[in-house]
Amino acid sequence: MTFTTLQEIGVSALAGGLVPPVPSPGLPRIAAMRARMEAVSNAQAAPAPLAPKDFAPDPNFPPAAAASPADRPRVRNATQPDRRPAEQVMPLRRRRASNTSWNWSGAVTLPRYGERFEEVWGAWTAPMAEKRPDTALPQLCSVWVGLDGYRRNAPSMPQVGTMHGFDEKGQWVNYAWHQWWVRGKHHPPVVIARLPVAPGDSMLACLHRVDDGRAVEIHIANETRSVLVAYRLAAPDPAEFPVAGKSAQWIVERPMKMDGTTLIALPAFRTVAFSDWAAEGDHGLGEARRVTPIRMISRAAVLGGQRRRKLAAAATRRAPRRGEGLTVESVE
């Protein structure tokens, strides 16, 4: 399958330049990342207009023929017995210092009451994925930034990032992608074929909310290879599923198949370092500095009638103002 038009995936060219607008005063981290992205734009040759060949269906996530809705499960009462299959995604469980999830590790931040995030920025190094010999294929991990999707009532979540690991044939894969996840719908990831990605490359991405949440502007750059791709992505159903900007995330994810229940195995990725990250809000919210780490956990074998849980990936955060970022470490 190939795309014949950009409209069928909701992509259109930006009206302005390839680099996001200059941020408001008082946003030094966003200004610094924007300057890095502008340097990539200046270094690359004038890009050709976007074409359908610049995007491709993600072969690792074929649409499910007859599957239950790809919905985030509801948060359950901790006293209820856990009768879900081991493959099903665990909702984010809120704690004082950190959250736990079956498939997310990284960090999340929330705006103050009555406000919203308008854009999220992230810079990371593409990890080196290693195959686990005792684990079934495929083995994949994705690194991304996104808006919404954290709160239980979030209807949708646009995200952009990179995928790393091994497909069902054991072939090594590294590529950029975007997805507009929608609750109860099937919208598979789309490969950004124009942007090359390899382990060790320095990646930089921005997701900007526009048109009252009915679309986002995506900017993603490979600083190592001096390639920048930028475009506008419309919501699959703009009237029903806009992005509200009620959370911003920087995530390493264990992806899920399009059946909405089966998690894909993680490769051994060691660490993923977000060298910088920021979220800009409206009403003078400024750069988000307070984030909550998310730990990824997995289930071990059922022993004595109880499922044992173990840590799969953990996020550690240092204050960005001291030049330190966010690191997600594989601990399985």
Protein backbone atom coordinates (compact mmCIF):
# COMPACT_ATOMS: atom_id res chain seq x y z
CA MET A 1 0.00 0.00 0.00
CA THR A 2 1.19 3.52 -0.82
CA PHE A 3 -0.32 6.95 -0.43
CA THR A 4 -1.57 8.61 -3.62
CA THR A 5 -2.31 12.04 -2.13
CA LEU A 6 -1.23 13.99 0.92
CA GLN A 7 -4.86 14.71 1.73
CA GLU A 8 -5.60 11.09 2.55
CA ILE A 9 -3.24 11.28 5.54
CA GLY A 10 -4.21 14.85 6.47
CA VAL A 11 -0.87 16.39 5.51
CA SER A 12 -0.47 19.79 3.87
CA ALA A 13 2.39 22.24 3.35
CA LEU A 14 2.99 25.02 5.86
CA ALA A 15 2.00 28.52 4.89
CA GLY A 16 5.13 29.98 6.49
CA GLY A 17 8.71 28.76 6.69
CA LEU A 18 10.08 25.43 7.85
CA VAL A 19 11.06 26.75 11.30
CA PRO A 20 8.46 27.51 14.01
CA PRO A 21 7.80 31.17 14.81
CA VAL A 22 10.06 32.99 17.23
CA PRO A 23 8.80 32.28 20.77
CA SER A 24 7.69 34.93 23.21
CA PRO A 25 10.36 36.56 25.42
CA GLY A 26 11.25 34.64 28.54
CA LEU A 27 11.38 31.19 26.90
CA PRO A 28 15.13 30.55 26.66
CA ARG A 29 15.01 26.77 26.25
CA ILE A 30 12.51 26.93 23.39
CA ALA A 31 14.49 29.76 21.83
CA ALA A 32 17.65 27.65 22.01
CA MET A 33 15.98 24.61 20.40
CA ARG A 34 14.44 26.82 17.72
CA ALA A 35 17.89 28.22 16.94
CA ARG A 36 19.19 24.66 16.53
CA MET A 37 16.34 23.85 14.17
CA GLU A 38 16.96 27.04 12.18
CA ALA A 39 20.61 26.00 11.81
CA VAL A 40 19.48 22.70 10.30
CA SER A 41 17.16 24.55 7.93
CA ASN A 42 19.98 26.83 6.80
CA ALA A 43 22.38 23.91 6.33
CA GLN A 44 20.17 21.74 4.15
CA ALA A 45 19.56 22.32 0.46
CA ALA A 46 16.24 23.87 -0.51
CA PRO A 47 13.77 20.99 -0.03
CA ALA A 48 11.40 19.93 -2.78
CA PRO A 49 7.66 20.36 -2.14
CA LEU A 50 6.12 17.60 -0.07
CA ALA A 51 4.82 14.65 -2.06
CA PRO A 52 2.99 11.41 -1.18
CA LYS A 53 6.27 9.48 -1.58
CA ASP A 54 7.66 11.39 1.41
CA PHE A 55 5.30 9.39 3.64
CA ALA A 56 4.47 5.70 3.88
CA PRO A 57 2.20 3.37 5.87
CA ASP A 58 4.06 1.88 8.81
CA PRO A 59 4.59 -1.82 7.91
CA ASN A 60 4.95 -2.73 11.58
CA PHE A 61 1.41 -1.59 12.37
CA PRO A 62 -1.02 -2.94 9.74
CA PRO A 63 -4.67 -2.09 10.43
CA ALA A 64 -6.47 -4.76 12.45
CA ALA A 65 -9.16 -6.49 10.38
CA ALA A 66 -11.58 -7.23 13.20
CA ALA A 67 -10.35 -5.77 16.43
CA SER A 68 -11.78 -4.16 19.47
CA PRO A 69 -11.44 -0.37 19.59
CA ALA A 70 -7.90 0.85 20.23
CA ASP A 71 -8.88 2.56 23.45
CA ARG A 72 -6.89 3.49 26.49
CA PRO A 73 -8.23 1.36 29.39
CA ARG A 74 -9.90 3.14 32.25
CA VAL A 75 -8.17 3.57 35.57
CA ARG A 76 -9.48 0.86 37.86
CA ASN A 77 -9.82 0.83 41.61
CA ALA A 78 -6.65 -0.57 43.11
CA THR A 79 -8.68 -2.93 45.31
CA GLN A 80 -10.32 -4.67 42.36
CA PRO A 81 -8.77 -7.94 41.17
CA ASP A 82 -6.77 -7.68 37.97
CA ARG A 83 -8.42 -10.04 35.46
CA ARG A 84 -7.13 -8.47 32.26
CA PRO A 85 -4.80 -10.41 29.95
CA ALA A 86 -1.10 -9.85 30.49
CA GLU A 87 -0.77 -8.14 27.11
CA GLN A 88 -3.26 -5.38 27.82
CA VAL A 89 -2.02 -1.87 28.43
CA MET A 90 -1.97 -0.59 31.96
CA PRO A 91 -3.35 2.89 32.54
CA LEU A 92 -1.10 5.50 34.01
CA ARG A 93 -1.36 5.16 37.77
CA ARG A 94 -0.84 8.41 39.60
CA ARG A 95 1.54 8.60 42.53
CA ARG A 96 3.15 11.50 44.35
CA ALA A 97 6.63 11.15 42.92
CA SER A 98 6.07 9.13 39.76
CA ASN A 99 3.54 7.19 37.67
CA THR A 100 3.65 3.64 36.39
CA SER A 101 2.49 2.29 33.04
CA TRP A 102 2.72 -0.91 31.04
CA ASN A 103 3.91 0.94 27.94
CA TRP A 104 5.16 4.47 28.76
CA SER A 105 8.34 5.68 30.41
CA GLY A 106 9.50 9.29 30.40
CA ALA A 107 7.83 12.40 31.78
CA VAL A 108 4.55 14.30 31.64
CA THR A 109 3.57 17.82 32.63
CA LEU A 110 0.16 19.41 33.11
CA PRO A 111 -0.85 23.07 32.67
CA ARG A 112 -2.34 25.14 35.42
CA TYR A 113 -6.11 25.14 35.77
CA GLY A 114 -7.88 26.89 32.90
CA GLU A 115 -4.76 27.00 30.71
CA ARG A 116 -3.40 24.81 27.94
CA PHE A 117 -0.17 23.94 26.19
CA GLU A 118 0.22 25.30 22.68
CA GLU A 119 3.41 23.47 21.74
CA VAL A 120 5.85 20.86 22.96
CA TRP A 121 9.56 20.58 22.10
CA GLY A 122 12.00 17.74 22.60
CA ALA A 123 15.57 16.86 21.68
CA TRP A 124 16.92 13.32 22.00
CA THR A 125 19.55 10.94 20.72
CA ALA A 126 18.28 8.03 18.64
CA PRO A 127 19.03 4.87 20.66
CA MET A 128 20.94 1.79 19.56
CA ALA A 129 18.45 -1.09 19.77
CA GLU A 130 19.80 -4.58 20.37
CA LYS A 131 17.87 -7.77 19.71
CA ARG A 132 16.84 -9.88 22.70
CA PRO A 133 17.59 -13.48 21.65
CA ASP A 134 15.02 -14.98 24.03
CA THR A 135 12.14 -12.69 22.98
CA ALA A 136 9.72 -13.03 20.06
CA LEU A 137 9.75 -10.62 17.13
CA PRO A 138 8.94 -7.86 16.44
CA GLN A 139 10.85 -5.90 19.09
CA LEU A 140 10.25 -2.15 18.92
CA CYS A 141 10.55 0.99 21.01
CA SER A 142 9.40 4.45 20.01
CA VAL A 143 10.65 7.82 21.24
CA TRP A 144 8.29 10.76 20.86
CA VAL A 145 6.83 14.05 22.04
CA GLY A 146 3.09 14.62 22.14
CA LEU A 147 0.17 16.69 23.35
CA ASP A 148 -2.80 15.26 25.30
CA GLY A 149 -3.43 11.53 25.81
CA TYR A 150 -2.41 11.47 29.47
CA ARG A 151 -5.73 12.35 31.07
CA ARG A 152 -8.44 9.68 31.11
CA ASN A 153 -10.89 11.85 29.17
CA ALA A 154 -8.44 12.90 26.44
CA PRO A 155 -10.12 12.11 23.09
CA SER A 156 -6.97 12.23 20.95
CA MET A 157 -3.20 12.68 20.96
CA PRO A 158 -0.94 13.89 18.14
CA GLN A 159 2.65 12.66 18.47
CA VAL A 160 5.87 12.67 16.46
CA GLY A 161 9.10 10.79 17.01
CA THR A 162 11.34 7.92 15.96
CA MET A 163 11.00 4.10 15.96
CA HIS A 164 13.83 1.67 16.67
CA GLY A 165 14.18 -2.10 16.84
CA PHE A 166 13.50 -5.18 14.73
CA ASP A 167 10.53 -6.12 12.55
CA GLU A 168 8.84 -9.53 12.31
CA LYS A 169 11.59 -10.75 9.95
CA GLY A 170 14.33 -9.66 12.33
CA GLN A 171 15.37 -6.74 10.12
CA TRP A 172 16.82 -3.73 11.89
CA VAL A 173 14.54 -0.67 11.62
CA ASN A 174 15.09 3.01 12.41
CA TYR A 175 12.69 5.64 11.07
CA ALA A 176 10.72 8.79 11.90
CA TRP A 177 6.94 8.70 12.22
CA HIS A 178 3.87 10.63 13.29
CA GLN A 179 0.46 9.52 14.52
CA TRP A 180 -2.75 11.19 15.59
CA TRP A 181 -4.08 8.67 18.08
CA VAL A 182 -7.88 8.83 18.56
CA ARG A 183 -9.81 7.08 21.29
CA GLY A 184 -11.88 4.22 19.89
CA LYS A 185 -10.52 4.63 16.36
CA HIS A 186 -7.78 3.01 14.27
CA HIS A 187 -5.28 5.47 12.82
CA PRO A 188 -1.92 3.67 12.37
CA PRO A 189 1.40 5.53 12.50
CA VAL A 190 2.71 7.08 9.30
CA VAL A 191 6.39 6.83 8.37
CA ILE A 192 8.11 10.13 7.52
CA ALA A 193 10.13 8.65 4.66
CA ARG A 194 11.90 11.91 3.79
CA LEU A 195 13.73 12.03 7.12
CA PRO A 196 16.63 9.55 7.58
CA VAL A 197 17.29 8.19 11.08
CA ALA A 198 20.16 6.10 12.46
CA PRO A 199 21.29 5.24 15.99
CA GLY A 200 23.28 8.05 17.55
CA ASP A 201 21.63 10.77 15.46
CA SER A 202 20.61 13.94 17.26
CA MET A 203 16.85 14.45 16.80
CA LEU A 204 14.82 17.59 17.43
CA ALA A 205 11.02 17.89 17.21
CA CYS A 206 8.27 20.43 17.79
CA LEU A 207 4.51 19.88 17.81
CA HIS A 208 2.49 23.13 17.64
CA ARG A 209 -1.26 23.32 18.19
CA VAL A 210 -3.08 25.46 15.58
CA ASP A 211 -6.59 26.20 14.31
CA ASP A 212 -8.11 25.85 17.77
CA GLY A 213 -6.79 22.29 18.07
CA ARG A 214 -8.11 21.02 14.76
CA ALA A 215 -4.57 20.66 13.41
CA VAL A 216 -0.94 20.67 14.49
CA GLU A 217 2.23 21.88 12.81
CA ILE A 218 4.97 19.25 12.94
CA HIS A 219 8.65 20.12 12.71
CA ILE A 220 11.16 17.28 13.06
CA ALA A 221 14.85 17.52 12.29
CA ASN A 222 17.87 15.25 12.19
CA GLU A 223 20.65 17.58 13.31
CA THR A 224 23.36 15.03 12.55
CA ARG A 225 22.34 14.74 8.89
CA SER A 226 21.08 18.33 8.45
CA VAL A 227 17.57 17.34 7.33
CA LEU A 228 14.40 19.12 8.46
CA VAL A 229 10.82 18.14 7.57
CA ALA A 230 7.87 20.39 8.44
CA TYR A 231 4.18 20.20 7.59
CA ARG A 232 0.66 20.66 8.89
CA LEU A 233 -1.30 17.63 10.08
CA ALA A 234 -5.09 17.81 10.38
CA ALA A 235 -6.98 15.87 13.04
CA PRO A 236 -8.71 12.75 11.65
CA ASP A 237 -12.04 14.20 12.78
CA PRO A 238 -11.36 17.87 13.61
CA ALA A 239 -14.80 18.59 15.01
CA GLU A 240 -14.93 15.57 17.33
CA PHE A 241 -11.29 14.93 18.23
CA PRO A 242 -9.31 18.19 18.48
CA VAL A 243 -6.17 18.45 20.59
CA ALA A 244 -6.86 20.41 23.77
CA GLY A 245 -3.30 20.87 25.08
CA LYS A 246 -4.12 19.47 28.53
CA SER A 247 -0.82 17.61 28.87
CA ALA A 248 2.60 17.40 27.24
CA GLN A 249 4.74 14.26 27.19
CA TRP A 250 8.30 13.10 26.42
CA ILE A 251 8.04 9.33 26.13
CA VAL A 252 9.84 6.10 25.35
CA GLU A 253 7.05 3.67 24.50
CA ARG A 254 6.52 -0.04 24.16
CA PRO A 255 4.21 0.12 21.10
CA MET A 256 0.89 -1.66 20.83
CA LYS A 257 -0.46 -3.55 17.86
CA MET A 258 -3.49 -2.08 16.12
CA ASP A 259 -5.77 -4.62 17.81
CA GLY A 260 -5.67 -2.29 20.80
CA THR A 261 -4.66 -4.95 23.34
CA THR A 262 -1.36 -6.61 22.39
CA LEU A 263 1.90 -4.98 23.39
CA ILE A 264 4.99 -5.46 21.23
CA ALA A 265 8.15 -6.65 22.96
CA LEU A 266 10.87 -4.12 23.73
CA PRO A 267 14.39 -4.50 22.35
CA ALA A 268 17.33 -3.81 24.61
CA PHE A 269 17.84 -0.06 24.08
CA ARG A 270 20.02 0.75 27.13
CA THR A 271 19.25 4.46 27.49
CA VAL A 272 17.37 7.22 25.68
CA ALA A 273 18.52 10.72 26.58
CA PHE A 274 16.25 13.73 26.11
CA SER A 275 18.92 16.41 26.16
CA ASP A 276 16.30 19.14 26.37
CA TRP A 277 12.54 19.48 26.52
CA ALA A 278 9.96 22.20 27.03
CA ALA A 279 6.25 22.94 26.64
CA GLU A 280 4.87 26.40 25.97
CA GLY A 281 1.41 27.40 27.15
CA ASP A 282 -1.09 30.14 26.62
CA HIS A 283 -1.93 33.01 28.99
CA GLY A 284 1.73 33.52 29.75
CA LEU A 285 2.17 30.00 31.13
CA GLY A 286 5.75 29.93 29.89
CA GLU A 287 8.06 26.94 29.74
CA ALA A 288 6.91 23.99 31.81
CA ARG A 289 9.58 23.09 34.36
CA ARG A 290 7.77 20.71 36.70
CA VAL A 291 7.32 17.23 35.29
CA THR A 292 6.27 13.87 36.71
CA PRO A 293 8.45 10.86 35.79
CA ILE A 294 6.75 7.75 34.41
CA ARG A 295 8.11 4.25 35.04
CA MET A 296 7.33 1.36 32.69
CA ILE A 297 6.62 -1.98 34.34
CA SER A 298 6.03 -5.47 32.97
CA ARG A 299 4.60 -8.69 34.30
CA ALA A 300 6.72 -11.70 35.01
CA ALA A 301 5.36 -15.23 35.21
CA VAL A 302 2.29 -15.97 37.31
CA LEU A 303 3.60 -17.46 40.56
CA GLY A 304 1.43 -18.65 43.42
CA GLY A 305 -1.67 -17.30 41.72
CA GLN A 306 -0.27 -13.76 41.60
CA ARG A 307 1.27 -11.84 38.73
CA ARG A 308 4.69 -10.51 39.65
CA ARG A 309 5.51 -7.07 38.29
CA LYS A 310 8.98 -5.87 37.48
CA LEU A 311 10.44 -2.62 36.25
CA ALA A 312 11.00 -2.44 32.48
CA ALA A 313 12.21 1.15 32.05
CA ALA A 314 12.72 4.06 34.41
CA ALA A 315 13.04 7.80 33.85
CA THR A 316 15.40 10.03 35.79
CA ARG A 317 15.22 13.79 35.56
CA ARG A 318 17.66 16.56 36.39
CA ALA A 319 16.95 20.28 36.29
CA PRO A 320 17.25 21.56 32.69
CA ARG A 321 18.41 24.95 33.96
CA ARG A 322 21.64 23.22 35.00
CA GLY A 323 22.12 21.80 31.53
CA GLU A 324 20.81 18.36 32.45
CA GLY A 325 17.93 16.56 30.79
CA LEU A 326 15.73 13.50 31.05
CA THR A 327 17.07 9.95 30.69
CA VAL A 328 15.04 6.77 30.20
CA GLU A 329 16.96 3.62 31.02
CA SER A 330 16.05 0.06 30.04
CA VAL A 331 16.31 -2.13 33.13
CA GLU A 332 14.80 -5.42 31.92
